[in-house]
Amino acid sequence: MAERVMRANRTPIQLAAMVFGVVFLLVGILGFIPGVTTDYDTMTFAGHHSGAMLLGIFEVSILHNIVHLLFGVAGLAMGRTISGAKAYLIGGGVIYAVLWIYGLLIDKDSAANFVPLNTADDWLHFVLAVAMIALGVLLPPRRRAAV
């Protein structure tokens, strides 16, 4: 009963932060599962030499998966408050915008590609940046009063 009351009291912005948190946790976990991550045996801790591909599309490494897990934990923790949820969505969106620009500018075969990133990662980061910032700005911080 208490869980249902807590869930009912969450605002749209808190729910959005928590949904992103769950998705990032799921992606971080899936990145460590052979089969879901192709060429799993080529995964490195970091760097552009990692040949592992989440869903056969997104280049991943141990570091990349850990970052997803940390973003997931942050979304769940910060989603507990309205101000935390807003900060997570907007701040996380800004981080993903920076990652998108970084991914566009670096040589994918250089040591600068330490996360590692490929073109699919770059454009996913763009979509995440836009979605997170938009939700953080546009979602109402409070529930609308019942009329």
Protein backbone atom coordinates (compact mmCIF):
# COMPACT_ATOMS: atom_id res chain seq x y z
CA MET A 1 0.00 0.00 0.00
CA ALA A 2 2.78 2.46 0.91
CA GLU A 3 4.56 1.69 -2.39
CA ARG A 4 1.38 2.51 -4.32
CA VAL A 5 1.03 5.84 -2.47
CA MET A 6 4.69 6.68 -3.16
CA ARG A 7 4.22 5.86 -6.86
CA ALA A 8 1.06 7.94 -7.05
CA ASN A 9 2.87 10.95 -5.58
CA ARG A 10 5.60 10.98 -8.23
CA THR A 11 5.41 13.79 -10.70
CA PRO A 12 5.85 13.40 -14.48
CA ILE A 13 9.39 14.76 -14.30
CA GLN A 14 10.31 12.27 -11.57
CA LEU A 15 8.84 9.40 -13.57
CA ALA A 16 10.78 10.48 -16.66
CA ALA A 17 14.06 10.55 -14.70
CA MET A 18 13.34 7.13 -13.24
CA VAL A 19 12.42 5.66 -16.63
CA PHE A 20 15.71 6.92 -18.07
CA GLY A 21 17.46 5.49 -15.01
CA VAL A 22 15.92 2.05 -15.53
CA VAL A 23 16.75 2.10 -19.25
CA PHE A 24 20.38 3.07 -18.59
CA LEU A 25 20.66 0.29 -15.98
CA LEU A 26 19.23 -2.21 -18.44
CA VAL A 27 21.61 -1.09 -21.20
CA GLY A 28 24.56 -1.27 -18.80
CA ILE A 29 23.64 -4.81 -17.78
CA LEU A 30 22.95 -5.94 -21.36
CA GLY A 31 26.38 -4.69 -22.37
CA PHE A 32 27.87 -7.43 -20.20
CA ILE A 33 25.76 -10.26 -21.65
CA PRO A 34 27.35 -12.31 -24.44
CA GLY A 35 24.96 -12.74 -27.34
CA VAL A 36 23.17 -9.47 -26.66
CA THR A 37 26.62 -7.95 -27.03
CA THR A 38 28.25 -9.36 -30.16
CA ASP A 39 31.99 -10.09 -30.29
CA TYR A 40 31.89 -10.09 -26.49
CA ASP A 41 35.31 -11.76 -26.31
CA THR A 42 36.90 -8.66 -27.90
CA MET A 43 35.61 -6.28 -25.21
CA THR A 44 38.34 -4.23 -23.56
CA PHE A 45 38.19 -2.05 -20.47
CA ALA A 46 38.37 1.12 -22.57
CA GLY A 47 39.67 2.40 -25.87
CA HIS A 48 38.82 2.16 -29.53
CA HIS A 49 40.16 -1.40 -29.80
CA SER A 50 37.06 -2.86 -28.14
CA GLY A 51 35.19 -4.78 -30.83
CA ALA A 52 32.15 -5.60 -28.69
CA MET A 53 28.85 -4.26 -30.04
CA LEU A 54 25.67 -3.96 -27.99
CA LEU A 55 22.86 -5.38 -30.14
CA GLY A 56 25.44 -5.57 -32.92
CA ILE A 57 25.14 -1.79 -33.38
CA PHE A 58 26.65 0.25 -30.53
CA GLU A 59 30.34 -0.09 -29.69
CA VAL A 60 30.83 -0.81 -26.00
CA SER A 61 33.59 -1.47 -23.52
CA ILE A 62 33.65 -2.24 -19.82
CA LEU A 63 34.03 1.49 -19.12
CA HIS A 64 31.12 2.34 -21.45
CA ASN A 65 28.89 -0.21 -19.66
CA ILE A 66 29.91 1.12 -16.25
CA VAL A 67 29.01 4.66 -17.35
CA HIS A 68 25.54 3.41 -18.36
CA LEU A 69 25.13 1.69 -14.98
CA LEU A 70 26.18 4.86 -13.13
CA PHE A 71 23.77 6.98 -15.19
CA GLY A 72 21.05 4.48 -14.30
CA VAL A 73 21.75 4.63 -10.58
CA ALA A 74 21.85 8.43 -10.78
CA GLY A 75 18.47 8.54 -12.53
CA LEU A 76 16.83 6.37 -9.89
CA ALA A 77 18.42 8.26 -7.01
CA MET A 78 17.85 11.75 -8.39
CA GLY A 79 14.34 10.89 -9.55
CA ARG A 80 13.27 10.65 -5.93
CA THR A 81 12.94 14.45 -5.75
CA ILE A 82 11.53 16.94 -8.21
CA SER A 83 14.64 19.12 -8.21
CA GLY A 84 16.89 16.08 -8.54
CA ALA A 85 14.86 14.73 -11.46
CA LYS A 86 15.03 18.07 -13.26
CA ALA A 87 18.79 18.32 -12.66
CA TYR A 88 19.31 14.73 -13.85
CA LEU A 89 17.35 15.22 -17.07
CA ILE A 90 18.83 18.59 -18.01
CA GLY A 91 22.34 17.87 -16.72
CA GLY A 92 22.37 14.39 -18.24
CA GLY A 93 21.11 15.84 -21.50
CA VAL A 94 23.93 18.38 -21.52
CA ILE A 95 26.45 15.60 -20.85
CA TYR A 96 25.05 13.59 -23.75
CA ALA A 97 25.15 16.70 -26.00
CA VAL A 98 28.83 17.11 -25.15
CA LEU A 99 29.43 13.40 -25.86
CA TRP A 100 27.64 13.78 -29.21
CA ILE A 101 29.85 16.70 -30.23
CA TYR A 102 32.95 14.92 -28.92
CA GLY A 103 32.05 11.82 -30.92
CA LEU A 104 31.62 13.87 -34.08
CA LEU A 105 34.98 15.61 -33.67
CA ILE A 106 37.33 12.79 -32.70
CA ASP A 107 39.03 10.33 -34.99
CA LYS A 108 37.34 7.02 -34.16
CA ASP A 109 40.66 5.16 -34.56
CA SER A 110 42.61 7.41 -32.19
CA ALA A 111 43.38 7.13 -28.49
CA ALA A 112 40.90 10.01 -27.97
CA ASN A 113 38.11 7.47 -28.58
CA PHE A 114 38.60 5.97 -25.12
CA VAL A 115 34.93 5.32 -24.25
CA PRO A 116 34.66 3.92 -27.21
CA LEU A 117 32.14 5.55 -29.55
CA ASN A 118 30.99 4.77 -33.07
CA THR A 119 28.64 6.67 -35.39
CA ALA A 120 25.57 4.87 -34.01
CA ASP A 121 26.60 5.90 -30.47
CA ASP A 122 27.05 9.49 -31.62
CA TRP A 123 23.53 9.79 -33.01
CA LEU A 124 21.99 7.96 -30.07
CA HIS A 125 23.73 10.49 -27.80
CA PHE A 126 22.16 13.30 -29.85
CA VAL A 127 18.67 11.78 -29.44
CA LEU A 128 19.25 11.26 -25.71
CA ALA A 129 20.46 14.86 -25.30
CA VAL A 130 17.41 16.31 -27.04
CA ALA A 131 14.95 14.03 -25.24
CA MET A 132 16.41 14.51 -21.77
CA ILE A 133 16.74 18.28 -22.03
CA ALA A 134 13.26 18.62 -23.55
CA LEU A 135 11.68 16.51 -20.80
CA GLY A 136 13.61 18.35 -18.11
CA VAL A 137 12.43 21.71 -19.43
CA LEU A 138 8.90 20.89 -20.58
CA LEU A 139 7.51 18.46 -18.02
CA PRO A 140 5.64 20.12 -15.20
CA PRO A 141 7.52 19.87 -11.91
CA ARG A 142 4.31 19.35 -9.97
CA ARG A 143 1.11 17.42 -10.53
CA ARG A 144 -1.72 19.55 -11.82
CA ALA A 145 -4.36 20.19 -9.20
CA ALA A 146 -7.58 18.24 -9.62
CA VAL A 147 -10.42 20.51 -10.69
